């Protein structure tokens, strides 16, 4: 009986230790950025907390919380960079999304990316993720997580 209690306590202790020591829950993750690589047609962005859309330009550096919008017959290519791994986002026509989370921890080699896709389509070409890194796309009805692949997420009106 004492042995069972010991293992239960050990199991709970290990669980609690994992919660506090796990790199995936690290509070040390610093904000990362994304770079606009190419624009075809009309695209714009809005800084977090701002009230107006501004023209998106090639070479522009975007941050966590920024919103991106493409017009009809338009497309933008955005590169996110992390711990020696990248993802290329092709933002299709009529798309609006937010770079909700762009974080990395160089020491732990962790990246966390969350795109909040409101409407439209985003093609993602992501390199294989390292360790407990995450790359997710949230839509109004689901969350898609990947480990390294090419995929497209569409949200219709």
Protein backbone atom coordinates (compact mmCIF):
# COMPACT_ATOMS: atom_id res chain seq x y z
CA UNK A 1 0.00 0.00 0.00
CA UNK A 2 2.81 2.43 0.84
CA UNK A 3 4.50 1.59 -2.43
CA UNK A 4 1.38 2.55 -4.39
CA UNK A 5 1.18 5.87 -2.59
CA UNK A 6 4.85 6.49 -3.27
CA UNK A 7 4.38 5.89 -6.99
CA UNK A 8 1.29 8.08 -7.08
CA UNK A 9 3.18 10.87 -5.34
CA UNK A 10 6.18 10.31 -7.60
CA UNK A 11 3.87 10.43 -10.64
CA UNK A 12 2.25 13.67 -9.47
CA UNK A 13 5.67 15.16 -8.67
CA UNK A 14 7.01 14.22 -12.10
CA UNK A 15 3.92 15.73 -13.74
CA UNK A 16 4.31 18.98 -11.78
CA UNK A 17 8.05 19.07 -12.56
CA UNK A 18 7.28 18.61 -16.28
CA UNK A 19 4.86 21.53 -16.16
CA UNK A 20 7.50 23.85 -14.72
CA UNK A 21 10.55 22.52 -16.54
CA UNK A 22 9.05 21.78 -19.96
CA UNK A 23 10.56 23.95 -22.70
CA UNK A 24 7.16 24.12 -24.42
CA UNK A 25 5.81 26.25 -21.57
CA UNK A 26 8.91 28.38 -21.29
CA UNK A 27 8.23 32.00 -20.43
CA UNK A 28 11.62 32.88 -22.01
CA UNK A 29 10.36 32.82 -25.59
CA UNK A 30 11.12 36.15 -27.25
CA UNK A 31 9.08 37.80 -30.01
CA UNK A 32 10.19 36.87 -33.51
CA UNK A 33 9.50 38.49 -36.89
CA UNK A 34 8.38 37.71 -40.42
CA UNK A 35 9.61 39.32 -43.65
CA UNK A 36 7.60 40.20 -46.75
CA UNK A 37 9.40 38.52 -49.64
CA UNK A 38 7.11 39.33 -52.57
CA UNK A 39 3.83 41.10 -53.38
CA UNK A 40 1.64 40.70 -56.46
CA UNK A 41 -1.25 43.15 -56.66
CA UNK A 42 -2.46 45.01 -53.56
CA UNK A 43 -1.76 43.95 -49.98
CA UNK A 44 -1.90 45.84 -46.70
CA UNK A 45 -1.14 45.42 -43.03
CA UNK A 46 -2.26 46.85 -39.71
CA UNK A 47 -0.07 47.03 -36.61
CA UNK A 48 -1.55 45.64 -33.41
CA UNK A 49 -3.60 48.38 -31.74
CA UNK A 50 -3.70 50.58 -34.88
CA UNK A 51 -6.91 51.68 -36.58
CA UNK A 52 -5.91 51.90 -40.25
CA UNK A 53 -4.54 49.61 -42.94
CA UNK A 54 -1.21 50.62 -44.54
CA UNK A 55 0.36 49.37 -47.81
CA UNK A 56 2.42 46.20 -47.43
CA UNK A 57 5.85 46.49 -49.08
CA UNK A 58 8.53 44.03 -50.12
CA UNK A 59 11.25 43.73 -47.45
CA UNK A 60 8.96 44.95 -44.67
CA UNK A 61 9.41 43.25 -41.28
CA UNK A 62 6.20 42.17 -39.56
CA UNK A 63 5.74 41.44 -35.86
CA UNK A 64 3.53 39.40 -33.59
CA UNK A 65 0.01 40.86 -33.59
CA UNK A 66 0.21 42.40 -37.09
CA UNK A 67 -2.72 41.78 -39.46
CA UNK A 68 -2.26 41.13 -43.18
CA UNK A 69 -4.87 41.55 -45.91
CA UNK A 70 -4.68 40.88 -49.66
CA UNK A 71 -6.97 42.36 -52.30
CA UNK A 72 -8.69 40.67 -55.25
CA UNK A 73 -6.26 39.05 -57.68
CA UNK A 74 -3.42 39.72 -55.20
CA UNK A 75 -0.90 37.55 -53.39
CA UNK A 76 1.89 38.06 -50.86
CA UNK A 77 4.75 35.79 -49.82
CA UNK A 78 5.93 36.09 -46.22
CA UNK A 79 8.82 34.25 -44.58
CA UNK A 80 8.90 33.45 -40.88
CA UNK A 81 12.28 32.58 -39.44
CA UNK A 82 13.18 30.70 -36.29
CA UNK A 83 15.96 28.47 -35.09
CA UNK A 84 17.59 27.89 -38.51
CA UNK A 85 14.20 26.78 -39.86
CA UNK A 86 11.82 28.81 -41.95
CA UNK A 87 8.26 28.74 -43.22
CA UNK A 88 7.06 30.42 -46.41
CA UNK A 89 3.47 31.68 -46.35
CA UNK A 90 1.74 32.39 -49.63
CA UNK A 91 -1.20 34.61 -48.77
CA UNK A 92 -3.82 34.15 -51.50
CA UNK A 93 -6.29 36.73 -52.86
CA UNK A 94 -9.01 38.04 -50.55
CA UNK A 95 -7.30 36.81 -47.38
CA UNK A 96 -7.16 38.39 -43.95
CA UNK A 97 -5.19 36.94 -41.04
CA UNK A 98 -3.24 37.87 -37.92
CA UNK A 99 0.28 36.83 -36.95
CA UNK A 100 -1.12 35.91 -33.53
CA UNK A 101 2.03 34.27 -32.13
CA UNK A 102 5.58 34.63 -33.47
CA UNK A 103 8.00 33.53 -30.74
CA UNK A 104 11.29 31.74 -30.40
CA UNK A 105 13.77 30.69 -27.76
CA UNK A 106 17.24 30.41 -29.28
CA UNK A 107 18.77 28.66 -26.25
CA UNK A 108 16.10 25.93 -26.14
CA UNK A 109 15.76 25.86 -29.96
CA UNK A 110 11.98 26.32 -29.74
CA UNK A 111 9.63 28.19 -32.06
CA UNK A 112 5.93 28.91 -31.64
CA UNK A 113 3.89 30.25 -34.55
CA UNK A 114 0.12 30.75 -34.65
CA UNK A 115 -1.68 32.28 -37.61
CA UNK A 116 -5.29 33.37 -37.00
CA UNK A 117 -6.94 33.03 -40.43
CA UNK A 118 -10.22 34.96 -40.56
CA UNK A 119 -11.03 34.55 -44.26
CA UNK A 120 -9.28 33.47 -47.43
CA UNK A 121 -6.45 31.05 -48.04
CA UNK A 122 -2.85 30.60 -46.90
CA UNK A 123 -0.41 28.10 -48.41
CA UNK A 124 2.28 27.13 -45.87
CA UNK A 125 5.60 25.49 -46.75
CA UNK A 126 7.19 24.74 -43.39
CA UNK A 127 10.52 23.13 -42.65
CA UNK A 128 10.58 20.24 -40.19
CA UNK A 129 10.19 21.64 -36.68
CA UNK A 130 12.80 21.07 -33.97
CA UNK A 131 11.86 19.55 -30.59
CA UNK A 132 8.64 20.87 -29.04
CA UNK A 133 8.28 23.71 -31.54
CA UNK A 134 4.77 24.47 -32.83
CA UNK A 135 3.31 25.84 -36.05
CA UNK A 136 -0.48 26.22 -36.05
CA UNK A 137 -3.16 27.86 -38.17
CA UNK A 138 -6.41 28.77 -36.40
CA UNK A 139 -9.64 29.23 -38.34
CA UNK A 140 -13.12 30.10 -37.03
CA UNK A 141 -13.88 26.36 -36.81
CA UNK A 142 -10.58 24.55 -36.21
CA UNK A 143 -6.87 24.61 -35.39
CA UNK A 144 -4.39 22.87 -37.70
CA UNK A 145 -0.98 21.97 -36.30
CA UNK A 146 1.93 20.76 -38.41
CA UNK A 147 5.45 19.41 -37.83
CA UNK A 148 6.92 20.22 -41.25
CA UNK A 149 5.09 19.94 -44.54
CA UNK A 150 3.31 21.88 -47.27
CA UNK A 151 -0.40 22.51 -46.76
CA UNK A 152 -3.10 25.04 -47.58
CA UNK A 153 -5.86 26.27 -45.27
CA UNK A 154 -9.01 27.87 -46.72
CA UNK A 155 -11.75 29.79 -44.94
CA UNK A 156 -14.80 30.63 -47.07
CA UNK A 157 -17.21 33.48 -46.27
